[in-house]
C-alpha atoms as a PDB file:
ATOM      1  CA  MET A   1     -40.438 -17.011 -14.772  1.00  0.00           C
ATOM      2  CA  LYS A   2     -43.008 -15.375 -12.541  1.00  0.00           C
ATOM      3  CA  ARG A   3     -46.374 -14.098 -13.598  1.00  0.00           C
ATOM      4  CA  PRO A   4     -46.882 -10.394 -12.820  1.00  0.00           C
ATOM      5  CA  GLU A   5     -49.309 -11.129 -10.012  1.00  0.00           C
ATOM      6  CA  ASN A   6     -46.700 -13.382  -8.360  1.00  0.00           C
ATOM      7  CA  CYS A   7     -44.026 -10.682  -8.186  1.00  0.00           C
ATOM      8  CA  GLU A   8     -43.819  -9.497  -4.612  1.00  0.00           C
ATOM      9  CA  THR A   9     -40.920  -7.033  -4.800  1.00  0.00           C
ATOM     10  CA  MET A  10     -39.577  -4.505  -7.267  1.00  0.00           C
ATOM     11  CA  GLN A  11     -36.591  -6.805  -7.702  1.00  0.00           C
ATOM     12  CA  ASP A  12     -38.976  -9.570  -8.812  1.00  0.00           C
ATOM     13  CA  VAL A  13     -40.625  -7.180 -11.275  1.00  0.00           C
ATOM     14  CA  ARG A  14     -37.279  -5.917 -12.607  1.00  0.00           C
ATOM     15  CA  VAL A  15     -35.940  -9.423 -13.125  1.00  0.00           C
ATOM     16  CA  GLU A  16     -38.976 -10.314 -15.217  1.00  0.00           C
ATOM     17  CA  ILE A  17     -38.856  -7.084 -17.217  1.00  0.00           C
ATOM     18  CA  ASP A  18     -35.149  -7.654 -17.928  1.00  0.00           C
ATOM     19  CA  ARG A  19     -35.926 -11.232 -18.996  1.00  0.00           C
ATOM     20  CA  LEU A  20     -38.624 -10.022 -21.371  1.00  0.00           C
ATOM     21  CA  ASP A  21     -36.383  -7.261 -22.737  1.00  0.00           C
ATOM     22  CA  GLY A  22     -33.770  -9.883 -23.580  1.00  0.00           C
ATOM     23  CA  ALA A  23     -36.405 -12.009 -25.302  1.00  0.00           C
ATOM     24  CA  LEU A  24     -37.632  -9.011 -27.300  1.00  0.00           C
ATOM     25  CA  VAL A  25     -34.092  -8.188 -28.436  1.00  0.00           C
ATOM     26  CA  HIS A  26     -33.651 -11.819 -29.470  1.00  0.00           C
ATOM     27  CA  LEU A  27     -36.888 -11.676 -31.488  1.00  0.00           C
ATOM     28  CA  LEU A  28     -35.852  -8.391 -33.127  1.00  0.00           C
ATOM     29  CA  ALA A  29     -32.544  -9.979 -34.134  1.00  0.00           C
ATOM     30  CA  GLN A  30     -34.454 -12.894 -35.678  1.00  0.00           C
ATOM     31  CA  ARG A  31     -36.726 -10.441 -37.490  1.00  0.00           C
ATOM     32  CA  ALA A  32     -33.650  -8.639 -38.865  1.00  0.00           C
ATOM     33  CA  GLY A  33     -32.466 -11.949 -40.306  1.00  0.00           C
ATOM     34  CA  TYR A  34     -35.736 -12.291 -42.182  1.00  0.00           C
ATOM     35  CA  ILE A  35     -35.461  -8.690 -43.374  1.00  0.00           C
ATOM     36  CA  ASP A  36     -32.007  -9.488 -44.773  1.00  0.00           C
ATOM     37  CA  ARG A  37     -33.397 -12.558 -46.519  1.00  0.00           C
ATOM     38  CA  ALA A  38     -36.302 -10.498 -47.878  1.00  0.00           C
ATOM     39  CA  ALA A  39     -33.784  -8.121 -49.454  1.00  0.00           C
ATOM     40  CA  GLN A  40     -32.048 -11.060 -51.137  1.00  0.00           C
ATOM     41  CA  VAL A  41     -35.327 -12.454 -52.468  1.00  0.00           C
ATOM     42  CA  LYS A  42     -36.493  -9.011 -53.592  1.00  0.00           C
ATOM     43  CA  ALA A  43     -33.220  -8.558 -55.491  1.00  0.00           C
ATOM     44  CA  GLN A  44     -33.777 -11.874 -57.258  1.00  0.00           C
ATOM     45  CA  VAL A  45     -37.329 -11.019 -58.332  1.00  0.00           C
ATOM     46  CA  GLY A  46     -36.906  -7.277 -58.866  1.00  0.00           C
ATOM     47  CA  LEU A  47     -39.060  -5.982 -56.026  1.00  0.00           C
ATOM     48  CA  PRO A  48     -38.421  -2.684 -54.234  1.00  0.00           C
ATOM     49  CA  ALA A  49     -37.715  -2.464 -50.515  1.00  0.00           C
ATOM     50  CA  ARG A  50     -40.946  -0.554 -49.849  1.00  0.00           C
ATOM     51  CA  ILE A  51     -44.201  -2.240 -50.790  1.00  0.00           C
ATOM     52  CA  ASP A  52     -46.926  -0.002 -49.386  1.00  0.00           C
ATOM     53  CA  ALA A  53     -49.654  -2.646 -49.426  1.00  0.00           C
ATOM     54  CA  ARG A  54     -47.464  -4.942 -47.321  1.00  0.00           C
ATOM     55  CA  VAL A  55     -46.664  -2.122 -44.887  1.00  0.00           C
ATOM     56  CA  GLU A  56     -50.372  -1.544 -44.309  1.00  0.00           C
ATOM     57  CA  GLU A  57     -51.017  -5.288 -43.995  1.00  0.00           C
ATOM     58  CA  VAL A  58     -48.347  -5.574 -41.277  1.00  0.00           C
ATOM     59  CA  VAL A  59     -49.778  -2.560 -39.439  1.00  0.00           C
ATOM     60  CA  ALA A  60     -53.309  -3.986 -39.591  1.00  0.00           C
ATOM     61  CA  ASN A  61     -52.022  -7.339 -38.280  1.00  0.00           C
ATOM     62  CA  VAL A  62     -50.245  -5.817 -35.290  1.00  0.00           C
ATOM     63  CA  ARG A  63     -53.196  -3.559 -34.478  1.00  0.00           C
ATOM     64  CA  ARG A  64     -55.446  -6.629 -34.325  1.00  0.00           C
ATOM     65  CA  ALA A  65     -52.893  -8.480 -32.204  1.00  0.00           C
ATOM     66  CA  ALA A  66     -52.589  -5.495 -29.852  1.00  0.00           C
ATOM     67  CA  GLU A  67     -56.351  -5.286 -29.414  1.00  0.00           C
ATOM     68  CA  ALA A  68     -56.519  -9.025 -28.690  1.00  0.00           C
ATOM     69  CA  GLU A  69     -53.827  -8.595 -26.000  1.00  0.00           C
ATOM     70  CA  GLY A  70     -55.485  -5.560 -24.444  1.00  0.00           C
ATOM     71  CA  LEU A  71     -52.793  -3.145 -25.634  1.00  0.00           C
ATOM     72  CA  ASP A  72     -53.331   0.300 -27.107  1.00  0.00           C
ATOM     73  CA  PRO A  73     -53.354  -0.353 -30.878  1.00  0.00           C
ATOM     74  CA  ASP A  74     -52.302   3.233 -31.627  1.00  0.00           C
ATOM     75  CA  LEU A  75     -49.179   2.830 -29.501  1.00  0.00           C
ATOM     76  CA  VAL A  76     -48.346  -0.512 -31.100  1.00  0.00           C
ATOM     77  CA  GLU A  77     -48.882   0.960 -34.561  1.00  0.00           C
ATOM     78  CA  THR A  78     -46.485   3.815 -33.762  1.00  0.00           C
ATOM     79  CA  VAL A  79     -43.804   1.400 -32.578  1.00  0.00           C
ATOM     80  CA  TRP A  80     -44.293  -0.906 -35.563  1.00  0.00           C
ATOM     81  CA  ARG A  81     -44.209   1.892 -38.114  1.00  0.00           C
ATOM     82  CA  GLN A  82     -40.775   2.817 -36.762  1.00  0.00           C
ATOM     83  CA  LEU A  83     -39.701  -0.823 -36.935  1.00  0.00           C
ATOM     84  CA  ILE A  84     -41.016  -1.066 -40.494  1.00  0.00           C
ATOM     85  CA  GLU A  85     -39.160   2.099 -41.554  1.00  0.00           C
ATOM     86  CA  TRP A  86     -35.943   0.734 -40.032  1.00  0.00           C
ATOM     87  CA  SER A  87     -36.521  -2.548 -41.875  1.00  0.00           C
ATOM     88  CA  ILE A  88     -37.117  -0.807 -45.204  1.00  0.00           C
ATOM     89  CA  ALA A  89     -33.985   1.312 -44.734  1.00  0.00           C
ATOM     90  CA  ARG A  90     -32.016  -1.884 -44.001  1.00  0.00           C
ATOM     91  CA  GLU A  91     -33.362  -3.479 -47.192  1.00  0.00           C
ATOM     92  CA  GLU A  92     -32.578  -0.350 -49.236  1.00  0.00           C
ATOM     93  CA  VAL A  93     -28.954  -0.456 -48.085  1.00  0.00           C
ATOM     94  CA  ALA A  94     -28.753  -4.136 -48.999  1.00  0.00           C
ATOM     95  CA  LEU A  95     -30.392  -3.588 -52.381  1.00  0.00           C
ATOM     96  CA  GLY A  96     -27.898  -0.862 -53.294  1.00  0.00           C
ATOM     97  CA  PRO A  97     -28.271   2.457 -55.113  1.00  0.00           C
ATOM     98  CA  ASN A  98     -29.999   0.972 -58.161  1.00  0.00           C
ATOM     99  CA  GLY A  99     -32.447  -1.041 -56.113  1.00  0.00           C
ATOM    100  CA  LEU A 100     -30.499  -4.278 -56.494  1.00  0.00           C
ATOM    101  CA  LYS A 101     -27.331  -5.613 -54.938  1.00  0.00           C
ATOM    102  CA  ASP A 102     -24.880  -8.198 -56.090  1.00  0.00           C
ATOM    103  CA  TRP A 103     -25.982 -11.176 -53.982  1.00  0.00           C
ATOM    104  CA  ASP A 104     -23.927 -13.589 -56.090  1.00  0.00           C
ATOM    105  CA  LEU A 105     -27.005 -14.497 -58.058  1.00  0.00           C
END
């Protein structure tokens, strides 16, 4: 792993970007596992996939994190809102047409 300032060639930069992309995909896969578990728990307790207050809490959290990292919080919010919508859609599929799925409860 090289820090950005230690990359001397485009190949160095590309290697590090590819490494980070792989790490991000790995983290997204882990997040998807938690989304699947959330759907199971929501089915058990009768919660819907979309909980607006939680959506806004997640957005506020990532905006703060973006600001702390020197990233554009509007850009991060846009990306996260798409991720959240994908996550909710994934939960809705898992929960089934009536809001619940047979999880072998």
